[in-house]
PDB file of all heavy atoms in Angstrom:
ATOM      1  N   ALA A   1     -29.773 -76.405  44.774  1.00  0.00           N
ATOM      2  CA  ALA A   1     -31.064 -76.344  44.090  1.00  0.00           C
ATOM      3  C   ALA A   1     -32.205 -75.987  45.019  1.00  0.00           C
ATOM      4  O   ALA A   1     -33.320 -75.696  44.550  1.00  0.00           O
ATOM      5  CB  ALA A   1     -31.358 -77.674  43.405  1.00  0.00           C
ATOM      6  N   ALA A   2     -31.960 -75.978  46.311  1.00  0.00           N
ATOM      7  CA  ALA A   2     -33.014 -75.607  47.266  1.00  0.00           C
ATOM      8  C   ALA A   2     -33.580 -74.227  46.962  1.00  0.00           C
ATOM      9  O   ALA A   2     -34.775 -73.968  47.172  1.00  0.00           O
ATOM     10  CB  ALA A   2     -32.472 -75.666  48.699  1.00  0.00           C
ATOM     11  N   ASP A   3     -32.730 -73.336  46.441  1.00  0.00           N
ATOM     12  CA  ASP A   3     -33.190 -71.981  46.137  1.00  0.00           C
ATOM     13  C   ASP A   3     -34.150 -71.936  44.946  1.00  0.00           C
ATOM     14  O   ASP A   3     -34.833 -70.931  44.734  1.00  0.00           O
ATOM     15  CB  ASP A   3     -31.981 -71.082  45.840  1.00  0.00           C
ATOM     16  CG  ASP A   3     -31.126 -70.838  47.071  1.00  0.00           C
ATOM     17  OD1 ASP A   3     -31.656 -70.980  48.192  1.00  0.00           O
ATOM     18  OD2 ASP A   3     -29.926 -70.533  46.906  1.00  0.00           O
ATOM     19  N   ARG A   4     -34.205 -73.002  44.171  1.00  0.00           N
ATOM     20  CA  ARG A   4     -35.072 -73.021  42.991  1.00  0.00           C
ATOM     21  C   ARG A   4     -36.472 -73.542  43.305  1.00  0.00           C
ATOM     22  O   ARG A   4     -37.404 -73.324  42.523  1.00  0.00           O
ATOM     23  CB  ARG A   4     -34.426 -73.898  41.908  1.00  0.00           C
ATOM     24  CG  ARG A   4     -33.092 -73.350  41.413  1.00  0.00           C
ATOM     25  CD  ARG A   4     -32.242 -74.416  40.749  1.00  0.00           C
ATOM     26  NE  ARG A   4     -32.931 -75.075  39.638  1.00  0.00           N
ATOM     27  CZ  ARG A   4     -32.432 -76.141  38.990  1.00  0.00           C
ATOM     28  NH1 ARG A   4     -31.256 -76.635  39.357  1.00  0.00           N
ATOM     29  NH2 ARG A   4     -33.091 -76.689  38.001  1.00  0.00           N
ATOM     30  N   VAL A   5     -36.617 -74.232  44.423  1.00  0.00           N
ATOM     31  CA  VAL A   5     -37.895 -74.881  44.717  1.00  0.00           C
ATOM     32  C   VAL A   5     -38.989 -73.851  44.971  1.00  0.00           C
ATOM     33  O   VAL A   5     -40.096 -73.949  44.418  1.00  0.00           O
ATOM     34  CB  VAL A   5     -37.762 -75.826  45.918  1.00  0.00           C
ATOM     35  CG1 VAL A   5     -39.116 -76.459  46.257  1.00  0.00           C
ATOM     36  CG2 VAL A   5     -36.729 -76.917  45.631  1.00  0.00           C
ATOM     37  N   GLY A   6     -38.711 -72.871  45.795  1.00  0.00           N
ATOM     38  CA  GLY A   6     -39.716 -71.868  46.142  1.00  0.00           C
ATOM     39  C   GLY A   6     -40.281 -71.128  44.953  1.00  0.00           C
ATOM     40  O   GLY A   6     -41.506 -71.059  44.771  1.00  0.00           O
ATOM     41  N   PRO A   7     -39.433 -70.542  44.083  1.00  0.00           N
ATOM     42  CA  PRO A   7     -39.967 -69.838  42.908  1.00  0.00           C
ATOM     43  C   PRO A   7     -40.777 -70.749  41.978  1.00  0.00           C
ATOM     44  O   PRO A   7     -41.800 -70.323  41.418  1.00  0.00           O
ATOM     45  CB  PRO A   7     -38.704 -69.317  42.216  1.00  0.00           C
ATOM     46  CG  PRO A   7     -37.717 -69.153  43.331  1.00  0.00           C
ATOM     47  CD  PRO A   7     -37.988 -70.304  44.268  1.00  0.00           C
ATOM     48  N   MET A   8     -40.333 -71.986  41.812  1.00  0.00           N
ATOM     49  CA  MET A   8     -41.084 -72.906  40.962  1.00  0.00           C
ATOM     50  C   MET A   8     -42.441 -73.231  41.585  1.00  0.00           C
ATOM     51  O   MET A   8     -43.466 -73.294  40.895  1.00  0.00           O
ATOM     52  CB  MET A   8     -40.282 -74.189  40.737  1.00  0.00           C
ATOM     53  CG  MET A   8     -39.048 -73.994  39.871  1.00  0.00           C
ATOM     54  SD  MET A   8     -38.045 -75.506  39.721  1.00  0.00           S
ATOM     55  CE  MET A   8     -39.155 -76.541  38.759  1.00  0.00           C
ATOM     56  N   ALA A   9     -42.454 -73.431  42.901  1.00  0.00           N
ATOM     57  CA  ALA A   9     -43.711 -73.721  43.595  1.00  0.00           C
ATOM     58  C   ALA A   9     -44.660 -72.526  43.506  1.00  0.00           C
ATOM     59  O   ALA A   9     -45.874 -72.694  43.307  1.00  0.00           O
ATOM     60  CB  ALA A   9     -43.444 -74.086  45.045  1.00  0.00           C
ATOM     61  N   ASP A  10     -44.125 -71.312  43.639  1.00  0.00           N
ATOM     62  CA  ASP A  10     -44.962 -70.118  43.525  1.00  0.00           C
ATOM     63  C   ASP A  10     -45.566 -70.002  42.125  1.00  0.00           C
ATOM     64  O   ASP A  10     -46.730 -69.614  41.970  1.00  0.00           O
ATOM     65  CB  ASP A  10     -44.144 -68.863  43.835  1.00  0.00           C
ATOM     66  CG  ASP A  10     -43.767 -68.764  45.304  1.00  0.00           C
ATOM     67  OD1 ASP A  10     -44.384 -69.466  46.130  1.00  0.00           O
ATOM     68  OD2 ASP A  10     -42.842 -67.985  45.625  1.00  0.00           O
ATOM     69  N   ARG A  11     -44.760 -70.323  41.124  1.00  0.00           N
ATOM     70  CA  ARG A  11     -45.258 -70.254  39.741  1.00  0.00           C
ATOM     71  C   ARG A  11     -46.375 -71.269  39.533  1.00  0.00           C
ATOM     72  O   ARG A  11     -47.397 -70.961  38.905  1.00  0.00           O
ATOM     73  CB  ARG A  11     -44.101 -70.527  38.785  1.00  0.00           C
ATOM     74  CG  ARG A  11     -44.462 -70.407  37.317  1.00  0.00           C
ATOM     75  CD  ARG A  11     -43.221 -70.610  36.487  1.00  0.00           C
ATOM     76  NE  ARG A  11     -43.535 -70.921  35.094  1.00  0.00           N
ATOM     77  CZ  ARG A  11     -42.674 -71.457  34.246  1.00  0.00           C
ATOM     78  NH1 ARG A  11     -41.431 -71.747  34.667  1.00  0.00           N
ATOM     79  NH2 ARG A  11     -43.017 -71.708  33.008  1.00  0.00           N
ATOM     80  N   LEU A  12     -46.217 -72.469  40.066  1.00  0.00           N
ATOM     81  CA  LEU A  12     -47.260 -73.477  39.929  1.00  0.00           C
ATOM     82  C   LEU A  12     -48.518 -73.054  40.686  1.00  0.00           C
ATOM     83  O   LEU A  12     -49.640 -73.209  40.186  1.00  0.00           O
ATOM     84  CB  LEU A  12     -46.754 -74.824  40.434  1.00  0.00           C
ATOM     85  CG  LEU A  12     -47.738 -76.000  40.370  1.00  0.00           C
ATOM     86  CD1 LEU A  12     -48.278 -76.196  38.961  1.00  0.00           C
ATOM     87  CD2 LEU A  12     -47.063 -77.282  40.867  1.00  0.00           C
ATOM     88  N   ALA A  13     -48.342 -72.482  41.862  1.00  0.00           N
ATOM     89  CA  ALA A  13     -49.487 -72.044  42.664  1.00  0.00           C
ATOM     90  C   ALA A  13     -50.279 -70.950  41.956  1.00  0.00           C
ATOM     91  O   ALA A  13     -51.496 -70.821  42.160  1.00  0.00           O
ATOM     92  CB  ALA A  13     -49.014 -71.555  44.029  1.00  0.00           C
ATOM     93  N   SER A  14     -49.618 -70.179  41.114  1.00  0.00           N
ATOM     94  CA  SER A  14     -50.284 -69.055  40.450  1.00  0.00           C
ATOM     95  C   SER A  14     -51.388 -69.507  39.491  1.00  0.00           C
ATOM     96  O   SER A  14     -52.239 -68.703  39.105  1.00  0.00           O
ATOM     97  CB  SER A  14     -49.260 -68.207  39.687  1.00  0.00           C
ATOM     98  OG  SER A  14     -48.763 -68.888  38.537  1.00  0.00           O
ATOM     99  N   TYR A  15     -51.412 -70.778  39.130  1.00  0.00           N
ATOM    100  CA  TYR A  15     -52.458 -71.281  38.242  1.00  0.00           C
ATOM    101  C   TYR A  15     -53.770 -71.512  38.982  1.00  0.00           C
ATOM    102  O   TYR A  15     -54.804 -71.732  38.351  1.00  0.00           O
ATOM    103  CB  TYR A  15     -52.007 -72.578  37.575  1.00  0.00           C
ATOM    104  CG  TYR A  15     -51.015 -72.360  36.451  1.00  0.00           C
ATOM    105  CD1 TYR A  15     -49.652 -72.261  36.719  1.00  0.00           C
ATOM    106  CD2 TYR A  15     -51.446 -72.245  35.139  1.00  0.00           C
ATOM    107  CE1 TYR A  15     -48.737 -72.057  35.696  1.00  0.00           C
ATOM    108  CE2 TYR A  15     -50.533 -72.043  34.111  1.00  0.00           C
ATOM    109  CZ  TYR A  15     -49.184 -71.944  34.401  1.00  0.00           C
ATOM    110  OH  TYR A  15     -48.283 -71.729  33.382  1.00  0.00           O
ATOM    111  N   GLY A  16     -53.726 -71.488  40.313  1.00  0.00           N
ATOM    112  CA  GLY A  16     -54.948 -71.569  41.098  1.00  0.00           C
ATOM    113  C   GLY A  16     -55.587 -72.947  41.187  1.00  0.00           C
ATOM    114  O   GLY A  16     -56.774 -73.054  41.502  1.00  0.00           O
ATOM    115  N   ILE A  17     -54.829 -73.996  40.935  1.00  0.00           N
ATOM    116  CA  ILE A  17     -55.353 -75.356  41.053  1.00  0.00           C
ATOM    117  C   ILE A  17     -55.383 -75.751  42.524  1.00  0.00           C
ATOM    118  O   ILE A  17     -54.368 -75.695  43.213  1.00  0.00           O
ATOM    119  CB  ILE A  17     -54.498 -76.360  40.261  1.00  0.00           C
ATOM    120  CG1 ILE A  17     -54.405 -75.935  38.793  1.00  0.00           C
ATOM    121  CG2 ILE A  17     -55.063 -77.771  40.390  1.00  0.00           C
ATOM    122  CD1 ILE A  17     -55.708 -75.942  38.052  1.00  0.00           C
ATOM    123  N   GLU A  18     -56.532 -76.157  43.004  1.00  0.00           N
ATOM    124  CA  GLU A  18     -56.711 -76.459  44.426  1.00  0.00           C
ATOM    125  C   GLU A  18     -55.959 -77.724  44.825  1.00  0.00           C
ATOM    126  O   GLU A  18     -55.982 -78.739  44.108  1.00  0.00           O
ATOM    127  CB  GLU A  18     -58.202 -76.632  44.711  1.00  0.00           C
ATOM    128  CG  GLU A  18     -58.565 -76.704  46.181  1.00  0.00           C
ATOM    129  CD  GLU A  18     -60.070 -76.707  46.375  1.00  0.00           C
ATOM    130  OE1 GLU A  18     -60.802 -76.427  45.400  1.00  0.00           O
ATOM    131  OE2 GLU A  18     -60.509 -76.991  47.508  1.00  0.00           O
ATOM    132  N   GLU A  19     -55.309 -77.677  45.969  1.00  0.00           N
ATOM    133  CA  GLU A  19     -54.595 -78.850  46.466  1.00  0.00           C
ATOM    134  C   GLU A  19     -55.585 -79.893  46.972  1.00  0.00           C
ATOM    135  O   GLU A  19     -56.654 -79.563  47.499  1.00  0.00           O
ATOM    136  CB  GLU A  19     -53.589 -78.438  47.542  1.00  0.00           C
ATOM    137  CG  GLU A  19     -52.462 -77.591  46.938  1.00  0.00           C
ATOM    138  CD  GLU A  19     -51.435 -77.119  47.941  1.00  0.00           C
ATOM    139  OE1 GLU A  19     -51.846 -76.666  49.020  1.00  0.00           O
ATOM    140  OE2 GLU A  19     -50.244 -77.194  47.646  1.00  0.00           O
ATOM    141  N   THR A  20     -55.211 -81.154  46.820  1.00  0.00           N
ATOM    142  CA  THR A  20     -56.122 -82.249  47.118  1.00  0.00           C
ATOM    143  C   THR A  20     -55.303 -83.503  47.399  1.00  0.00           C
ATOM    144  O   THR A  20     -54.089 -83.415  47.633  1.00  0.00           O
ATOM    145  CB  THR A  20     -57.094 -82.466  45.929  1.00  0.00           C
ATOM    146  OG1 THR A  20     -58.004 -83.514  46.239  1.00  0.00           O
ATOM    147  CG2 THR A  20     -56.350 -82.798  44.646  1.00  0.00           C
ATOM    148  N   VAL A  21     -55.931 -84.664  47.346  1.00  0.00           N
ATOM    149  CA  VAL A  21     -55.195 -85.904  47.549  1.00  0.00           C
ATOM    150  C   VAL A  21     -54.251 -86.127  46.368  1.00  0.00           C
ATOM    151  O   VAL A  21     -54.585 -85.866  45.220  1.00  0.00           O
ATOM    152  CB  VAL A  21     -56.156 -87.106  47.722  1.00  0.00           C
ATOM    153  CG1 VAL A  21     -56.929 -87.394  46.446  1.00  0.00           C
ATOM    154  CG2 VAL A  21     -55.408 -88.339  48.193  1.00  0.00           C
ATOM    155  N   GLN A  22     -53.053 -86.578  46.677  1.00  0.00           N
ATOM    156  CA  GLN A  22     -52.023 -86.820  45.668  1.00  0.00           C
ATOM    157  C   GLN A  22     -51.400 -88.176  46.002  1.00  0.00           C
ATOM    158  O   GLN A  22     -50.830 -88.358  47.063  1.00  0.00           O
ATOM    159  CB  GLN A  22     -50.985 -85.697  45.729  1.00  0.00           C
ATOM    160  CG  GLN A  22     -50.080 -85.588  44.507  1.00  0.00           C
ATOM    161  CD  GLN A  22     -48.806 -86.383  44.655  1.00  0.00           C
ATOM    162  OE1 GLN A  22     -48.709 -87.482  44.132  1.00  0.00           O
ATOM    163  NE2 GLN A  22     -47.811 -85.846  45.369  1.00  0.00           N
ATOM    164  N   HIS A  23     -51.538 -89.134  45.105  1.00  0.00           N
ATOM    165  CA  HIS A  23     -51.138 -90.521  45.377  1.00  0.00           C
ATOM    166  C   HIS A  23     -49.659 -90.632  45.701  1.00  0.00           C
ATOM    167  O   HIS A  23     -49.258 -91.424  46.561  1.00  0.00           O
ATOM    168  CB  HIS A  23     -51.506 -91.393  44.166  1.00  0.00           C
ATOM    169  CG  HIS A  23     -51.381 -92.861  44.392  1.00  0.00           C
ATOM    170  ND1 HIS A  23     -50.165 -93.506  44.457  1.00  0.00           N
ATOM    171  CD2 HIS A  23     -52.325 -93.826  44.556  1.00  0.00           C
ATOM    172  CE1 HIS A  23     -50.362 -94.799  44.651  1.00  0.00           C
ATOM    173  NE2 HIS A  23     -51.668 -95.014  44.719  1.00  0.00           N
ATOM    174  N   ASP A  24     -48.820 -89.904  44.999  1.00  0.00           N
ATOM    175  CA  ASP A  24     -47.374 -89.774  45.180  1.00  0.00           C
ATOM    176  C   ASP A  24     -46.573 -91.001  44.762  1.00  0.00           C
ATOM    177  O   ASP A  24     -45.353 -90.991  44.865  1.00  0.00           O
ATOM    178  CB  ASP A  24     -47.015 -89.398  46.626  1.00  0.00           C
ATOM    179  CG  ASP A  24     -45.709 -88.612  46.710  1.00  0.00           C
ATOM    180  OD1 ASP A  24     -45.496 -87.753  45.834  1.00  0.00           O
ATOM    181  OD2 ASP A  24     -44.901 -88.858  47.629  1.00  0.00           O
ATOM    182  N   ASP A  25     -47.224 -92.056  44.312  1.00  0.00           N
ATOM    183  CA  ASP A  25     -46.479 -93.211  43.801  1.00  0.00           C
ATOM    184  C   ASP A  25     -47.336 -93.953  42.773  1.00  0.00           C
ATOM    185  O   ASP A  25     -47.453 -95.178  42.806  1.00  0.00           O
ATOM    186  CB  ASP A  25     -46.085 -94.147  44.943  1.00  0.00           C
ATOM    187  CG  ASP A  25     -44.998 -95.141  44.528  1.00  0.00           C
ATOM    188  OD1 ASP A  25     -44.252 -94.848  43.580  1.00  0.00           O
ATOM    189  OD2 ASP A  25     -44.885 -96.210  45.169  1.00  0.00           O
ATOM    190  N   LEU A  26     -47.929 -93.201  41.857  1.00  0.00           N
ATOM    191  CA  LEU A  26     -48.876 -93.776  40.907  1.00  0.00           C
ATOM    192  C   LEU A  26     -48.124 -94.374  39.724  1.00  0.00           C
ATOM    193  O   LEU A  26     -47.885 -93.725  38.712  1.00  0.00           O
ATOM    194  CB  LEU A  26     -49.874 -92.720  40.437  1.00  0.00           C
ATOM    195  CG  LEU A  26     -51.010 -93.252  39.561  1.00  0.00           C
ATOM    196  CD1 LEU A  26     -51.859 -94.255  40.320  1.00  0.00           C
ATOM    197  CD2 LEU A  26     -51.872 -92.103  39.055  1.00  0.00           C
ATOM    198  N   HIS A  27     -47.787 -95.645  39.860  1.00  0.00           N
ATOM    199  CA  HIS A  27     -47.123 -96.363  38.774  1.00  0.00           C
ATOM    200  C   HIS A  27     -48.004 -97.520  38.314  1.00  0.00           C
ATOM    201  O   HIS A  27     -49.116 -97.716  38.811  1.00  0.00           O
ATOM    202  CB  HIS A  27     -45.733 -96.842  39.197  1.00  0.00           C
ATOM    203  CG  HIS A  27     -45.717 -97.678  40.442  1.00  0.00           C
ATOM    204  ND1 HIS A  27     -46.229 -98.968  40.484  1.00  0.00           N
ATOM    205  CD2 HIS A  27     -45.256 -97.422  41.694  1.00  0.00           C
ATOM    206  CE1 HIS A  27     -46.065 -99.475  41.691  1.00  0.00           C
ATOM    207  NE2 HIS A  27     -45.500 -98.549  42.448  1.00  0.00           N
ATOM    208  N   ASP A  28     -47.510 -98.304  37.378  1.00  0.00           N
ATOM    209  CA  ASP A  28     -48.336 -99.341  36.761  1.00  0.00           C
ATOM    210  C   ASP A  28     -48.556-100.562  37.644  1.00  0.00           C
ATOM    211  O   ASP A  28     -49.273-101.489  37.260  1.00  0.00           O
ATOM    212  CB  ASP A  28     -47.757 -99.759  35.403  1.00  0.00           C
ATOM    213  CG  ASP A  28     -46.272-100.078  35.471  1.00  0.00           C
ATOM    214  OD1 ASP A  28     -45.712-100.132  36.579  1.00  0.00           O
ATOM    215  OD2 ASP A  28     -45.657-100.267  34.405  1.00  0.00           O
ATOM    216  N   GLY A  29     -47.962-100.566  38.822  1.00  0.00           N
ATOM    217  CA  GLY A  29     -48.250-101.619  39.781  1.00  0.00           C
ATOM    218  C   GLY A  29     -49.332-101.225  40.769  1.00  0.00           C
ATOM    219  O   GLY A  29     -49.761-102.054  41.587  1.00  0.00           O
ATOM    220  N   GLN A  30     -49.795 -99.977  40.690  1.00  0.00           N
ATOM    221  CA  GLN A  30     -50.849 -99.477  41.577  1.00  0.00           C
ATOM    222  C   GLN A  30     -52.176 -99.309  40.856  1.00  0.00           C
ATOM    223  O   GLN A  30     -53.183 -98.971  41.481  1.00  0.00           O
ATOM    224  CB  GLN A  30     -50.437 -98.108  42.166  1.00  0.00           C
ATOM    225  CG  GLN A  30     -49.009 -98.016  42.680  1.00  0.00           C
ATOM    226  CD  GLN A  30     -48.811 -98.697  44.007  1.00  0.00           C
ATOM    227  OE1 GLN A  30     -49.409 -99.732  44.273  1.00  0.00           O
ATOM    228  NE2 GLN A  30     -47.978 -98.121  44.847  1.00  0.00           N
ATOM    229  N   VAL A  31     -52.182 -99.505  39.554  1.00  0.00           N
ATOM    230  CA  VAL A  31     -53.400 -99.414  38.751  1.00  0.00           C
ATOM    231  C   VAL A  31     -53.816-100.830  38.367  1.00  0.00           C
ATOM    232  O   VAL A  31     -52.981-101.624  37.900  1.00  0.00           O
ATOM    233  CB  VAL A  31     -53.185 -98.563  37.493  1.00  0.00           C
ATOM    234  CG1 VAL A  31     -54.456 -98.515  36.646  1.00  0.00           C
ATOM    235  CG2 VAL A  31     -52.736 -97.152  37.861  1.00  0.00           C
ATOM    236  N   PHE A  32     -55.105-101.139  38.540  1.00  0.00           N
ATOM    237  CA  PHE A  32     -55.608-102.486  38.281  1.00  0.00           C
ATOM    238  C   PHE A  32     -56.699-102.447  37.228  1.00  0.00           C
ATOM    239  O   PHE A  32     -57.484-101.503  37.151  1.00  0.00           O
ATOM    240  CB  PHE A  32     -56.143-103.108  39.576  1.00  0.00           C
ATOM    241  CG  PHE A  32     -55.049-103.462  40.548  1.00  0.00           C
ATOM    242  CD1 PHE A  32     -54.416-102.479  41.296  1.00  0.00           C
ATOM    243  CD2 PHE A  32     -54.642-104.774  40.706  1.00  0.00           C
ATOM    244  CE1 PHE A  32     -53.400-102.793  42.187  1.00  0.00           C
ATOM    245  CE2 PHE A  32     -53.631-105.098  41.589  1.00  0.00           C
ATOM    246  CZ  PHE A  32     -53.002-104.115  42.339  1.00  0.00           C
ATOM    247  N   VAL A  33     -56.746-103.494  36.419  1.00  0.00           N
ATOM    248  CA  VAL A  33     -57.711-103.607  35.333  1.00  0.00           C
ATOM    249  C   VAL A  33     -58.743-104.653  35.721  1.00  0.00           C
ATOM    250  O   VAL A  33     -58.413-105.828  35.912  1.00  0.00           O
ATOM    251  CB  VAL A  33     -57.022-104.009  34.019  1.00  0.00           C
ATOM    252  CG1 VAL A  33     -58.049-104.088  32.886  1.00  0.00           C
ATOM    253  CG2 VAL A  33     -55.917-103.023  33.676  1.00  0.00           C
ATOM    254  N   THR A  34     -59.986-104.220  35.849  1.00  0.00           N
ATOM    255  CA  THR A  34     -61.078-105.103  36.219  1.00  0.00           C
ATOM    256  C   THR A  34     -61.955-105.368  35.011  1.00  0.00           C
ATOM    257  O   THR A  34     -62.519-104.427  34.446  1.00  0.00           O
ATOM    258  CB  THR A  34     -61.929-104.481  37.348  1.00  0.00           C
ATOM    259  OG1 THR A  34     -61.073-104.187  38.454  1.00  0.00           O
ATOM    260  CG2 THR A  34     -63.015-105.435  37.799  1.00  0.00           C
ATOM    261  N   PRO A  35     -62.096-106.600  34.579  1.00  0.00           N
ATOM    262  CA  PRO A  35     -62.897-106.904  33.388  1.00  0.00           C
ATOM    263  C   PRO A  35     -64.386-106.894  33.695  1.00  0.00           C
ATOM    264  O   PRO A  35     -65.005-107.923  33.905  1.00  0.00           O
ATOM    265  CB  PRO A  35     -62.423-108.309  33.007  1.00  0.00           C
ATOM    266  CG  PRO A  35     -62.017-108.918  34.309  1.00  0.00           C
ATOM    267  CD  PRO A  35     -61.470-107.790  35.154  1.00  0.00           C
ATOM    268  N   ASP A  36     -64.959-105.684  33.772  1.00  0.00           N
ATOM    269  CA  ASP A  36     -66.374-105.623  34.138  1.00  0.00           C
ATOM    270  C   ASP A  36     -67.189-104.767  33.183  1.00  0.00           C
ATOM    271  O   ASP A  36     -67.516-105.191  32.091  1.00  0.00           O
ATOM    272  CB  ASP A  36     -66.546-105.175  35.594  1.00  0.00           C
ATOM    273  CG  ASP A  36     -65.827-103.867  35.890  1.00  0.00           C
ATOM    274  OD1 ASP A  36     -65.308-103.247  34.955  1.00  0.00           O
ATOM    275  OD2 ASP A  36     -65.787-103.464  37.059  1.00  0.00           O
TER     276      ASP A  36
END
């Protein structure tokens, strides 16, 4: 599957969305609810 990563990444890059911070583990234990 390594051969599939590059073409998929190129296709995603073609949308022109700028790279930025990416949490990489955003699950429901990392989000907190503050009653304010």
